[in-house]
Amino acid sequence: MSEVGIAILGYGDVGRKHLYAFRNIRFHFPELSIVPIVRVVYGRRLESVKAFAEKYGIPRYSINMDEAIRSDDISVVDVALPNYLHHVATFKAIDNGKHVICEKPLAITAELAWEMYQRAKDSGVLHGVVYNYRWLPAIQLARKLIEIGVIGKVHHFRGMYLEDYGADPSKPLSWRYRKAEAGSGTLGDNATHVIDLARFLVGEIVEVCAKGATYICERPLPEDPSKKGRVDTDDEFVSIVMFRNGAIGTIEASRIAHGRRNWLEIEVRGTKGYIVWNLNRLNELELFIEDDIQSNGPRRILVTDAKHPYIERFWPPNAPIGLVDGFTIAFAEYFKAMEEKREYIPNFLDGAINCSVIDAMLKSWQEGKCIEVRYS
């Protein structure tokens, strides 16, 4: 066995999910010769990062990013920071010869994302983007069913990611509501996952026609709640998308959809039927096949059998897995790629393409016309 030291940059909810996943890899993927060990956590607030490290038993903590990254016992840098720091942390990691895992979206602009990809590619480090939903067994099965033609030739994709974390106007003006720090709002926070699933299941998006809206235009300042600051990122977004293979689709995202706490749903329709998946029932697929005379209607597939993707690594047949298990699979595959000395997918190229789609959607909204997606 070979230990690989990890520096987690960020101690928020995302950082906690990553920590959980790293620590569970050995349990579910015991054949890996690589043992990931989280050795340090970085954060910008001393008391908070210290508390996180002590609570979860991380040996070291730091408020100095360079110190956390360049340590000799660190091989992989896991970037779980606000969007505007993704490229900063990634460039530091690459300059120090460290492998990098970065949260979505890869950067606040496509230009920065493509620069991150090029520098990572030129340096030879192993780079990956955390699109955890594509690793869930139900999504893996959906891709397989689509690839073998169960629903025929795909002609339509529908995806939505609705949440209500921003529905309360009294919530403070955090970085997610500032364009300079987030790049975009629900588009880069929620729709980025839908874009990834669309690419994973259907193919490349070549043109978009989009509209966005900001309904809560001011929020209390964190440092002084009696004062308000301007929100300049989108609350809701809708886009028509055109795929390279001729299919069309829609992508929808919201952070102010009351009652939708984590509503991610996708539907892929083809010439013979359709597949529907919803995060709230993440172990299930709804499948309809037109010429299936036995069922004559949609069927539910419970993706918990040992023959289904990755399930044999978890619990007895028909026992469901959870949201964070998708992170565990994603990171296990990253270290498997490291072990086999090959590239990991989704990597910074996927992240850059995703950011190009986001930028095209923003431009379409601003200019009021359809925009082609640039792949460079």
Protein backbone atom coordinates (compact mmCIF):
# COMPACT_ATOMS: atom_id res chain seq x y z
CA MET A 1 0.00 0.00 0.00
CA SER A 2 1.11 3.53 -0.74
CA GLU A 3 -0.16 6.50 1.27
CA VAL A 4 -1.02 9.65 -0.67
CA GLY A 5 -1.26 12.83 1.37
CA ILE A 6 -4.17 15.18 0.67
CA ALA A 7 -4.63 18.86 1.46
CA ILE A 8 -8.27 19.90 1.57
CA LEU A 9 -8.68 23.59 0.82
CA GLY A 10 -11.99 24.65 2.37
CA TYR A 11 -13.86 23.50 5.44
CA GLY A 12 -17.48 24.15 4.46
CA ASP A 13 -20.20 21.66 3.59
CA VAL A 14 -18.41 20.61 0.42
CA GLY A 15 -15.12 20.08 2.22
CA ARG A 16 -16.89 17.88 4.76
CA LYS A 17 -18.39 15.72 1.99
CA HIS A 18 -14.98 15.35 0.41
CA LEU A 19 -13.42 14.34 3.72
CA TYR A 20 -16.11 11.70 4.24
CA ALA A 21 -15.51 10.32 0.76
CA PHE A 22 -11.72 10.17 1.08
CA ARG A 23 -12.02 8.25 4.32
CA ASN A 24 -14.48 5.72 2.90
CA ILE A 25 -12.54 4.81 -0.24
CA ARG A 26 -10.57 2.06 1.47
CA PHE A 27 -13.77 0.53 2.81
CA HIS A 28 -15.48 0.26 -0.57
CA PHE A 29 -12.44 -0.09 -2.86
CA PRO A 30 -10.02 -2.23 -0.82
CA GLU A 31 -8.15 -3.42 -3.90
CA LEU A 32 -6.63 0.03 -4.51
CA SER A 33 -2.93 0.14 -3.75
CA ILE A 34 -3.25 3.86 -2.97
CA VAL A 35 -4.44 4.92 0.47
CA PRO A 36 -5.61 8.59 0.50
CA ILE A 37 -4.81 10.32 3.81
CA VAL A 38 -6.09 13.83 4.57
CA ARG A 39 -3.17 15.48 6.37
CA VAL A 40 -4.06 19.18 6.38
CA VAL A 41 -7.06 21.45 5.90
CA TYR A 42 -6.75 25.07 4.82
CA GLY A 43 -9.21 27.83 5.61
CA ARG A 44 -9.25 31.61 5.74
CA ARG A 45 -10.59 31.87 9.30
CA LEU A 46 -8.31 30.49 11.99
CA GLU A 47 -10.93 29.60 14.60
CA SER A 48 -13.19 27.91 12.04
CA VAL A 49 -10.51 25.84 10.31
CA LYS A 50 -9.04 24.83 13.67
CA ALA A 51 -12.46 23.69 14.87
CA PHE A 52 -12.99 21.68 11.66
CA ALA A 53 -9.62 19.96 12.00
CA GLU A 54 -10.18 19.09 15.65
CA LYS A 55 -13.74 17.93 15.11
CA TYR A 56 -12.82 15.52 12.32
CA GLY A 57 -9.36 14.48 13.47
CA ILE A 58 -7.26 16.12 10.75
CA PRO A 59 -3.64 16.34 11.97
CA ARG A 60 -2.89 19.87 10.73
CA TYR A 61 -4.70 23.05 9.83
CA SER A 62 -3.50 26.28 8.25
CA ILE A 63 -4.63 29.73 7.17
CA ASN A 64 -1.67 29.93 4.78
CA MET A 65 -2.60 28.38 1.43
CA ASP A 66 0.99 28.17 0.19
CA GLU A 67 2.06 26.39 3.36
CA ALA A 68 -0.74 23.84 3.09
CA ILE A 69 -0.03 23.12 -0.58
CA ARG A 70 3.75 22.91 -0.67
CA SER A 71 4.19 20.55 2.28
CA ASP A 72 6.38 17.58 1.33
CA ASP A 73 3.84 15.04 2.61
CA ILE A 74 1.11 16.38 0.31
CA SER A 75 0.64 14.89 -3.17
CA VAL A 76 -2.97 15.88 -3.97
CA VAL A 77 -4.65 19.25 -3.49
CA ASP A 78 -8.43 19.15 -3.18
CA VAL A 79 -9.93 22.57 -4.00
CA ALA A 80 -13.24 23.06 -2.19
CA LEU A 81 -13.11 26.85 -1.99
CA PRO A 82 -15.42 29.60 -3.35
CA ASN A 83 -15.38 29.78 -7.14
CA TYR A 84 -13.09 32.80 -7.50
CA LEU A 85 -10.31 30.98 -5.66
CA HIS A 86 -10.38 27.83 -7.81
CA HIS A 87 -7.81 29.05 -10.32
CA VAL A 88 -5.65 30.65 -7.64
CA ALA A 89 -5.39 27.42 -5.64
CA THR A 90 -5.00 25.27 -8.76
CA PHE A 91 -2.13 27.32 -10.15
CA LYS A 92 -0.34 27.16 -6.79
CA ALA A 93 -0.81 23.38 -6.72
CA ILE A 94 0.49 22.93 -10.27
CA ASP A 95 3.47 25.21 -9.60
CA ASN A 96 4.35 22.94 -6.66
CA GLY A 97 3.97 19.76 -8.72
CA LYS A 98 0.84 18.58 -6.92
CA HIS A 99 -2.07 16.67 -8.43
CA VAL A 100 -5.39 18.55 -8.30
CA ILE A 101 -9.05 17.80 -7.69
CA CYS A 102 -11.28 20.86 -8.08
CA GLU A 103 -14.92 21.49 -7.30
CA LYS A 104 -17.35 22.74 -9.92
CA PRO A 105 -17.55 25.06 -11.73
CA LEU A 106 -13.87 24.88 -12.63
CA ALA A 107 -13.54 28.68 -12.81
CA ILE A 108 -15.56 31.89 -12.84
CA THR A 109 -14.96 32.31 -16.59
CA ALA A 110 -14.32 29.95 -19.49
CA GLU A 111 -11.09 31.80 -20.28
CA LEU A 112 -9.69 30.96 -16.84
CA ALA A 113 -10.96 27.40 -17.05
CA TRP A 114 -9.19 26.78 -20.36
CA GLU A 115 -5.99 28.23 -18.91
CA MET A 116 -6.31 25.86 -15.95
CA TYR A 117 -6.74 22.93 -18.31
CA GLN A 118 -3.76 23.89 -20.47
CA ARG A 119 -1.45 24.40 -17.50
CA ALA A 120 -2.54 21.15 -15.87
CA LYS A 121 -2.09 19.28 -19.16
CA ASP A 122 1.37 20.76 -19.77
CA SER A 123 2.52 20.03 -16.22
CA GLY A 124 1.55 16.37 -16.31
CA VAL A 125 -0.37 16.43 -13.01
CA LEU A 126 -3.49 14.32 -12.61
CA HIS A 127 -6.45 16.71 -12.73
CA GLY A 128 -10.13 16.12 -12.08
CA VAL A 129 -13.38 18.03 -11.59
CA VAL A 130 -15.92 16.91 -8.98
CA TYR A 131 -19.05 16.11 -10.98
CA ASN A 132 -20.23 13.55 -8.46
CA TYR A 133 -23.72 12.87 -9.83
CA ARG A 134 -22.46 11.15 -12.99
CA TRP A 135 -20.91 8.46 -10.75
CA LEU A 136 -24.15 7.40 -9.04
CA PRO A 137 -25.11 3.84 -10.08
CA ALA A 138 -28.47 4.91 -11.53
CA ILE A 139 -26.81 7.48 -13.80
CA GLN A 140 -24.15 4.96 -14.81
CA LEU A 141 -26.91 2.50 -15.73
CA ALA A 142 -28.82 5.20 -17.61
CA ARG A 143 -25.76 5.90 -19.74
CA LYS A 144 -25.33 2.20 -20.49
CA LEU A 145 -28.99 1.83 -21.51
CA ILE A 146 -28.70 4.85 -23.79
CA GLU A 147 -25.44 3.61 -25.34
CA ILE A 148 -26.86 0.19 -26.24
CA GLY A 149 -29.93 1.78 -27.81
CA VAL A 150 -32.64 0.74 -25.37
CA ILE A 151 -34.53 4.02 -25.89
CA GLY A 152 -33.46 4.37 -29.52
CA LYS A 153 -31.82 7.42 -31.02
CA VAL A 154 -31.87 10.26 -28.48
CA HIS A 155 -33.65 13.38 -29.65
CA HIS A 156 -34.47 15.29 -26.46
CA PHE A 157 -32.94 16.07 -23.07
CA ARG A 158 -34.67 17.85 -20.18
CA GLY A 159 -32.83 18.71 -16.99
CA MET A 160 -33.55 20.89 -14.00
CA TYR A 161 -31.84 21.63 -10.70
CA LEU A 162 -34.08 23.59 -8.36
CA GLU A 163 -33.27 24.70 -4.81
CA ASP A 164 -34.59 27.30 -2.38
CA TYR A 165 -31.47 28.21 -0.39
CA GLY A 166 -31.70 31.75 -1.77
CA ALA A 167 -35.45 32.25 -1.47
CA ASP A 168 -35.22 34.15 1.81
CA PRO A 169 -34.33 37.81 1.01
CA SER A 170 -32.97 38.30 4.54
CA LYS A 171 -30.08 35.93 3.90
CA PRO A 172 -26.80 37.88 3.73
CA LEU A 173 -24.92 38.85 0.59
CA SER A 174 -22.46 35.94 0.58
CA TRP A 175 -19.99 35.26 -2.25
CA ARG A 176 -22.60 33.28 -4.22
CA TYR A 177 -24.50 36.51 -4.89
CA ARG A 178 -21.45 38.45 -6.16
CA LYS A 179 -20.42 38.02 -9.80
CA ALA A 180 -16.77 38.84 -9.09
CA GLU A 181 -16.59 35.92 -6.65
CA ALA A 182 -19.05 33.40 -8.12
CA GLY A 183 -18.96 34.13 -11.86
CA SER A 184 -22.69 33.42 -12.06
CA GLY A 185 -25.49 32.43 -9.72
CA THR A 186 -27.67 29.37 -9.98
CA LEU A 187 -26.25 28.84 -13.48
CA GLY A 188 -22.76 28.04 -12.18
CA ASP A 189 -23.97 26.54 -8.91
CA ASN A 190 -26.82 24.29 -10.07
CA ALA A 191 -27.04 24.22 -13.86
CA THR A 192 -23.37 23.21 -14.11
CA HIS A 193 -24.38 19.75 -12.83
CA VAL A 194 -27.19 19.51 -15.38
CA ILE A 195 -24.80 20.52 -18.16
CA ASP A 196 -22.42 17.77 -17.07
CA LEU A 197 -25.20 15.16 -17.05
CA ALA A 198 -26.37 16.35 -20.46
CA ARG A 199 -22.85 15.91 -21.88
CA PHE A 200 -22.41 12.56 -20.11
CA LEU A 201 -25.70 11.09 -21.31
CA VAL A 202 -26.37 12.77 -24.67
CA GLY A 203 -23.21 14.47 -25.99
CA GLU A 204 -21.64 17.84 -26.63
CA ILE A 205 -23.73 21.02 -26.56
CA VAL A 206 -22.97 23.25 -29.54
CA GLU A 207 -25.51 26.09 -29.26
CA VAL A 208 -27.63 27.68 -26.53
CA CYS A 209 -30.48 30.17 -26.31
CA ALA A 210 -30.92 31.34 -22.72
CA LYS A 211 -32.69 33.69 -20.34
CA GLY A 212 -31.91 34.50 -16.72
CA ALA A 213 -33.44 36.61 -13.98
CA THR A 214 -32.53 38.11 -10.62
CA TYR A 215 -35.57 38.72 -8.44
CA ILE A 216 -33.95 39.46 -5.07
CA CYS A 217 -31.77 42.36 -6.13
CA GLU A 218 -30.43 43.37 -2.71
CA ARG A 219 -29.33 41.48 0.38
CA PRO A 220 -28.02 42.47 3.82
CA LEU A 221 -24.26 42.93 4.03
CA PRO A 222 -22.61 40.23 6.19
CA GLU A 223 -20.48 42.79 8.02
CA ASP A 224 -23.42 45.16 8.68
CA PRO A 225 -26.95 43.67 8.25
CA SER A 226 -28.49 47.13 8.60
CA LYS A 227 -27.08 47.92 5.15
CA LYS A 228 -27.72 46.18 1.85
CA GLY A 229 -25.61 45.38 -1.18
CA ARG A 230 -26.50 44.64 -4.78
CA VAL A 231 -26.95 41.08 -6.04
CA ASP A 232 -25.44 40.72 -9.51
CA THR A 233 -25.79 36.99 -10.14
CA ASP A 234 -28.80 35.10 -11.45
CA ASP A 235 -31.55 33.65 -9.24
CA GLU A 236 -33.09 31.61 -12.05
CA PHE A 237 -32.00 30.44 -15.48
CA VAL A 238 -33.56 28.62 -18.41
CA SER A 239 -31.87 27.61 -21.66
CA ILE A 240 -32.68 25.76 -24.84
CA VAL A 241 -29.68 23.66 -25.89
CA MET A 242 -28.71 22.07 -29.18
CA PHE A 243 -26.47 19.00 -29.23
CA ARG A 244 -23.86 18.07 -31.83
CA ASN A 245 -25.71 14.83 -32.61
CA GLY A 246 -28.90 16.71 -33.55
CA ALA A 247 -30.80 16.32 -30.27
CA ILE A 248 -32.33 19.36 -28.56
CA GLY A 249 -33.14 20.02 -24.93
CA THR A 250 -33.81 22.37 -22.05
CA ILE A 251 -31.83 23.16 -18.92
CA GLU A 252 -33.40 24.94 -15.98
CA ALA A 253 -31.97 26.09 -12.64
CA SER A 254 -33.20 28.07 -9.64
CA ARG A 255 -32.05 28.97 -6.13
CA ILE A 256 -35.35 30.55 -5.12
CA ALA A 257 -37.78 27.68 -5.87
CA HIS A 258 -39.73 27.40 -2.62
CA GLY A 259 -40.03 23.82 -1.40
CA ARG A 260 -37.43 22.43 -3.80
CA ARG A 261 -34.61 21.63 -1.40
CA ASN A 262 -32.42 19.60 -3.75
CA TRP A 263 -34.52 18.86 -6.82
CA LEU A 264 -32.28 17.55 -9.59
CA GLU A 265 -34.16 15.74 -12.34
CA ILE A 266 -33.22 14.63 -15.83
CA GLU A 267 -35.20 13.07 -18.67
CA VAL A 268 -33.73 11.63 -21.85
CA ARG A 269 -36.14 10.77 -24.66
CA GLY A 270 -35.44 8.74 -27.77
CA THR A 271 -37.21 7.14 -30.72
CA LYS A 272 -38.16 4.05 -28.66
CA GLY A 273 -38.79 5.43 -25.16
CA TYR A 274 -37.45 7.51 -22.30
CA ILE A 275 -35.43 7.45 -19.06
CA VAL A 276 -36.17 9.67 -16.05
CA TRP A 277 -34.03 10.10 -12.92
CA ASN A 278 -34.52 12.28 -9.84
CA LEU A 279 -31.98 12.91 -7.09
CA ASN A 280 -34.66 12.58 -4.43
CA ARG A 281 -35.00 8.93 -5.49
CA LEU A 282 -31.39 8.50 -6.51
CA ASN A 283 -31.44 4.70 -6.53
CA GLU A 284 -34.23 4.52 -9.10
CA LEU A 285 -34.71 4.92 -12.84
CA GLU A 286 -38.03 5.27 -14.62
CA LEU A 287 -37.84 3.52 -17.98
CA PHE A 288 -40.41 3.40 -20.75
CA ILE A 289 -39.96 1.35 -23.93
CA GLU A 290 -42.59 1.78 -26.64
CA ASP A 291 -42.67 -1.81 -27.90
CA ASP A 292 -42.63 -3.44 -24.45
CA ILE A 293 -46.04 -5.13 -24.68
CA GLN A 294 -45.60 -6.88 -21.33
CA SER A 295 -45.58 -3.72 -19.22
CA ASN A 296 -47.36 -1.36 -21.64
CA GLY A 297 -46.18 1.54 -19.54
CA PRO A 298 -43.22 2.96 -17.59
CA ARG A 299 -41.38 0.65 -15.23
CA ARG A 300 -39.32 1.42 -12.14
CA ILE A 301 -35.81 0.02 -11.97
CA LEU A 302 -34.39 -0.12 -8.46
CA VAL A 303 -30.66 0.22 -9.11
CA THR A 304 -29.50 -1.71 -6.05
CA ASP A 305 -28.75 -5.15 -7.43
CA ALA A 306 -25.20 -6.56 -7.33
CA LYS A 307 -25.12 -6.56 -11.15
CA HIS A 308 -25.69 -2.80 -11.29
CA PRO A 309 -22.72 -0.39 -11.51
CA TYR A 310 -20.68 -0.19 -8.27
CA ILE A 311 -23.45 -1.66 -6.06
CA GLU A 312 -21.49 -4.80 -5.20
CA ARG A 313 -19.01 -2.53 -3.42
CA PHE A 314 -21.60 -1.24 -1.00
CA TRP A 315 -24.37 -3.15 0.78
CA PRO A 316 -26.42 -6.34 0.35
CA PRO A 317 -28.73 -6.46 -2.70
CA ASN A 318 -31.65 -4.01 -2.65
CA ALA A 319 -30.03 -1.78 -0.04
CA PRO A 320 -29.88 1.83 -1.29
CA ILE A 321 -26.81 4.04 -1.25
CA GLY A 322 -26.71 7.77 -0.52
CA LEU A 323 -25.67 11.10 -2.01
CA VAL A 324 -22.15 11.20 -0.59
CA ASP A 325 -21.41 7.73 -1.95
CA GLY A 326 -21.22 9.40 -5.36
CA PHE A 327 -18.24 11.41 -4.09
CA THR A 328 -16.63 8.21 -2.78
CA ILE A 329 -16.92 6.56 -6.20
CA ALA A 330 -15.67 9.69 -7.97
CA PHE A 331 -12.56 9.95 -5.80
CA ALA A 332 -11.92 6.20 -5.91
CA GLU A 333 -11.89 6.41 -9.71
CA TYR A 334 -9.49 9.35 -9.48
CA PHE A 335 -7.02 7.31 -7.43
CA LYS A 336 -7.55 4.32 -9.69
CA ALA A 337 -6.46 6.53 -12.60
CA MET A 338 -3.43 7.58 -10.56
CA GLU A 339 -2.63 3.95 -9.83
CA GLU A 340 -2.91 3.02 -13.53
CA LYS A 341 -1.06 6.15 -14.69
CA ARG A 342 -3.83 7.35 -17.00
CA GLU A 343 -6.04 10.41 -17.24
CA TYR A 344 -9.13 10.82 -15.06
CA ILE A 345 -12.49 11.81 -16.50
CA PRO A 346 -14.17 14.21 -15.84
CA ASN A 347 -11.02 16.32 -15.83
CA PHE A 348 -10.17 19.95 -16.46
CA LEU A 349 -11.08 19.58 -20.14
CA ASP A 350 -14.61 18.64 -19.10
CA GLY A 351 -14.58 21.52 -16.62
CA ALA A 352 -13.48 23.98 -19.29
CA ILE A 353 -16.14 22.79 -21.76
CA ASN A 354 -18.76 23.12 -19.02
CA CYS A 355 -17.61 26.68 -18.34
CA SER A 356 -17.79 27.43 -22.07
CA VAL A 357 -21.43 26.35 -22.07
CA ILE A 358 -22.08 28.56 -19.03
CA ASP A 359 -20.37 31.55 -20.67
CA ALA A 360 -22.41 30.99 -23.85
CA MET A 361 -25.62 30.95 -21.80
CA LEU A 362 -24.67 34.19 -20.05
CA LYS A 363 -23.83 35.80 -23.39
CA SER A 364 -27.11 34.59 -24.89
CA TRP A 365 -29.01 36.21 -22.01
CA GLN A 366 -27.07 39.46 -22.38
CA GLU A 367 -27.34 39.70 -26.16
CA GLY A 368 -30.81 38.19 -26.58
CA LYS A 369 -29.84 35.65 -29.24
CA CYS A 370 -28.62 32.08 -29.65
CA ILE A 371 -24.88 31.63 -29.11
CA GLU A 372 -22.52 28.93 -30.32
CA VAL A 373 -20.39 27.22 -27.67
CA ARG A 374 -16.64 27.74 -28.08
CA TYR A 375 -14.46 24.71 -27.43
CA SER A 376 -11.18 26.48 -26.76
